[in-house]
Amino acid sequence: MKEGQLVMIKECHKIPELVGKTAEVVVTNGLQLGSKYPIHVAIEGYENTVGFREEELAIIGQG
């Protein structure tokens, strides 16, 4: 995945209401930044980014 790509959230056990929402990839090196999730996305209506594993997201286009 690349920063700027649009994704659909396929899985989110901690916040199940996010499943099916569209988001934009903003960080792809989260593990190096100390997060336990490598990919962080910006979701409309959420103030903070949310971290995911790649298999929890589906690429749907470029931002």
N, C-alpha and C. Protein backbone atom coordinates (compact mmCIF):
# COMPACT_ATOMS: atom_id res chain seq x y z
N MET A 1 0.84 -1.19 0.00
CA MET A 1 0.00 0.00 0.00
C MET A 1 0.87 1.24 0.00
N LYS A 2 0.30 2.29 -0.54
CA LYS A 2 1.03 3.56 -0.64
C LYS A 2 0.21 4.66 0.01
N GLU A 3 0.91 5.65 0.52
CA GLU A 3 0.23 6.82 1.08
C GLU A 3 -0.58 7.49 -0.02
N GLY A 4 -1.78 7.92 0.33
CA GLY A 4 -2.67 8.56 -0.63
C GLY A 4 -3.69 7.63 -1.25
N GLN A 5 -3.50 6.31 -1.12
CA GLN A 5 -4.46 5.37 -1.69
C GLN A 5 -5.76 5.38 -0.90
N LEU A 6 -6.85 5.16 -1.60
CA LEU A 6 -8.15 5.02 -0.95
C LEU A 6 -8.38 3.55 -0.67
N VAL A 7 -8.87 3.26 0.53
CA VAL A 7 -9.11 1.88 0.93
C VAL A 7 -10.49 1.75 1.55
N MET A 8 -10.99 0.52 1.57
CA MET A 8 -12.21 0.20 2.30
C MET A 8 -11.79 -0.69 3.46
N ILE A 9 -12.33 -0.45 4.61
CA ILE A 9 -12.00 -1.24 5.79
C ILE A 9 -12.80 -2.53 5.76
N LYS A 10 -12.08 -3.67 5.73
CA LYS A 10 -12.71 -4.99 5.68
C LYS A 10 -12.92 -5.58 7.07
N GLU A 11 -12.00 -5.30 7.99
CA GLU A 11 -12.06 -5.84 9.35
C GLU A 11 -11.61 -4.79 10.34
N CYS A 12 -12.28 -4.76 11.49
CA CYS A 12 -11.84 -3.92 12.60
C CYS A 12 -12.51 -4.45 13.86
N HIS A 13 -11.80 -5.27 14.61
CA HIS A 13 -12.37 -5.91 15.78
C HIS A 13 -12.62 -4.92 16.92
N LYS A 14 -11.76 -3.92 17.07
CA LYS A 14 -11.92 -2.97 18.16
C LYS A 14 -13.03 -1.96 17.91
N ILE A 15 -13.23 -1.59 16.63
CA ILE A 15 -14.27 -0.60 16.29
C ILE A 15 -15.07 -1.16 15.11
N PRO A 16 -15.97 -2.12 15.34
CA PRO A 16 -16.66 -2.79 14.24
C PRO A 16 -17.48 -1.86 13.34
N GLU A 17 -17.89 -0.71 13.85
CA GLU A 17 -18.68 0.21 13.01
C GLU A 17 -17.85 0.83 11.89
N LEU A 18 -16.53 0.65 11.90
CA LEU A 18 -15.68 1.16 10.82
C LEU A 18 -15.70 0.25 9.58
N VAL A 19 -16.11 -1.00 9.74
CA VAL A 19 -16.13 -1.94 8.62
C VAL A 19 -17.05 -1.40 7.52
N GLY A 20 -16.51 -1.35 6.29
CA GLY A 20 -17.26 -0.84 5.15
C GLY A 20 -17.00 0.63 4.86
N LYS A 21 -16.35 1.33 5.77
CA LYS A 21 -16.05 2.76 5.55
C LYS A 21 -14.85 2.92 4.62
N THR A 22 -14.81 4.05 3.94
CA THR A 22 -13.72 4.40 3.06
C THR A 22 -12.74 5.30 3.81
N ALA A 23 -11.45 5.11 3.55
CA ALA A 23 -10.43 5.90 4.23
C ALA A 23 -9.26 6.14 3.28
N GLU A 24 -8.37 7.05 3.68
CA GLU A 24 -7.16 7.33 2.90
C GLU A 24 -5.94 6.93 3.71
N VAL A 25 -5.03 6.21 3.08
CA VAL A 25 -3.79 5.79 3.73
C VAL A 25 -2.91 7.02 3.95
N VAL A 26 -2.49 7.24 5.21
CA VAL A 26 -1.65 8.39 5.52
C VAL A 26 -0.28 7.98 6.06
N VAL A 27 -0.14 6.76 6.58
CA VAL A 27 1.14 6.27 7.09
C VAL A 27 1.28 4.81 6.68
N THR A 28 2.44 4.46 6.13
CA THR A 28 2.68 3.07 5.74
C THR A 28 3.83 2.45 6.53
N ASN A 29 4.45 3.20 7.42
CA ASN A 29 5.58 2.69 8.20
C ASN A 29 5.29 2.77 9.69
N GLY A 30 4.07 2.48 10.08
CA GLY A 30 3.67 2.58 11.48
C GLY A 30 4.50 1.74 12.42
N LEU A 31 4.94 0.57 11.98
CA LEU A 31 5.76 -0.29 12.84
C LEU A 31 7.06 0.41 13.20
N GLN A 32 7.66 1.09 12.24
CA GLN A 32 8.91 1.81 12.49
C GLN A 32 8.69 3.02 13.40
N LEU A 33 7.45 3.51 13.43
CA LEU A 33 7.13 4.66 14.28
C LEU A 33 6.70 4.24 15.68
N GLY A 34 6.72 2.93 15.95
CA GLY A 34 6.39 2.44 17.27
C GLY A 34 4.96 1.95 17.45
N SER A 35 4.18 1.94 16.39
CA SER A 35 2.81 1.44 16.46
C SER A 35 2.81 -0.07 16.24
N LYS A 36 1.80 -0.76 16.75
CA LYS A 36 1.71 -2.19 16.47
C LYS A 36 0.98 -2.46 15.16
N TYR A 37 0.51 -1.41 14.49
CA TYR A 37 -0.15 -1.54 13.20
C TYR A 37 0.66 -0.80 12.14
N PRO A 38 0.96 -1.45 11.01
CA PRO A 38 1.84 -0.83 10.02
C PRO A 38 1.18 0.27 9.19
N ILE A 39 -0.13 0.21 9.00
CA ILE A 39 -0.80 1.15 8.10
C ILE A 39 -1.80 1.98 8.90
N HIS A 40 -1.72 3.29 8.75
CA HIS A 40 -2.66 4.19 9.42
C HIS A 40 -3.47 4.91 8.36
N VAL A 41 -4.76 5.04 8.64
CA VAL A 41 -5.66 5.68 7.67
C VAL A 41 -6.42 6.82 8.33
N ALA A 42 -6.80 7.78 7.49
CA ALA A 42 -7.65 8.89 7.91
C ALA A 42 -9.07 8.56 7.47
N ILE A 43 -9.98 8.61 8.41
CA ILE A 43 -11.39 8.30 8.14
C ILE A 43 -12.20 9.57 8.37
N GLU A 44 -13.04 9.91 7.42
CA GLU A 44 -13.87 11.11 7.55
C GLU A 44 -14.72 11.00 8.80
N GLY A 45 -14.72 12.06 9.59
CA GLY A 45 -15.50 12.07 10.82
C GLY A 45 -14.73 11.63 12.05
N TYR A 46 -13.49 11.15 11.87
CA TYR A 46 -12.65 10.75 12.99
C TYR A 46 -11.47 11.71 13.10
N GLU A 47 -11.24 12.20 14.30
CA GLU A 47 -10.18 13.18 14.51
C GLU A 47 -8.79 12.57 14.35
N ASN A 48 -8.59 11.36 14.87
CA ASN A 48 -7.28 10.71 14.84
C ASN A 48 -7.23 9.65 13.74
N THR A 49 -6.01 9.33 13.32
CA THR A 49 -5.86 8.23 12.37
C THR A 49 -6.06 6.91 13.13
N VAL A 50 -6.37 5.85 12.36
CA VAL A 50 -6.59 4.53 12.94
C VAL A 50 -5.63 3.56 12.26
N GLY A 51 -5.00 2.69 13.05
CA GLY A 51 -4.02 1.75 12.51
C GLY A 51 -4.64 0.40 12.15
N PHE A 52 -4.13 -0.20 11.06
CA PHE A 52 -4.61 -1.48 10.56
C PHE A 52 -3.45 -2.32 10.06
N ARG A 53 -3.70 -3.62 9.92
CA ARG A 53 -2.80 -4.51 9.18
C ARG A 53 -3.30 -4.51 7.73
N GLU A 54 -2.40 -4.79 6.80
CA GLU A 54 -2.73 -4.71 5.38
C GLU A 54 -3.91 -5.59 5.01
N GLU A 55 -4.01 -6.79 5.59
CA GLU A 55 -5.10 -7.71 5.23
C GLU A 55 -6.47 -7.23 5.72
N GLU A 56 -6.51 -6.20 6.56
CA GLU A 56 -7.77 -5.65 7.04
C GLU A 56 -8.33 -4.57 6.12
N LEU A 57 -7.57 -4.21 5.07
CA LEU A 57 -7.96 -3.14 4.17
C LEU A 57 -8.01 -3.64 2.72
N ALA A 58 -8.90 -3.06 1.93
CA ALA A 58 -8.98 -3.36 0.50
C ALA A 58 -8.74 -2.07 -0.28
N ILE A 59 -7.80 -2.08 -1.21
CA ILE A 59 -7.50 -0.91 -2.02
C ILE A 59 -8.66 -0.69 -3.01
N ILE A 60 -9.17 0.54 -3.04
CA ILE A 60 -10.25 0.84 -3.99
C ILE A 60 -9.89 1.96 -4.95
N GLY A 61 -8.73 2.61 -4.78
CA GLY A 61 -8.33 3.65 -5.73
C GLY A 61 -7.25 4.54 -5.20
N GLN A 62 -6.90 5.53 -5.98
CA GLN A 62 -5.91 6.54 -5.60
C GLN A 62 -6.62 7.76 -5.05
N GLY A 63 -5.97 8.43 -4.10
CA GLY A 63 -6.55 9.64 -3.51
C GLY A 63 -6.25 10.85 -4.33
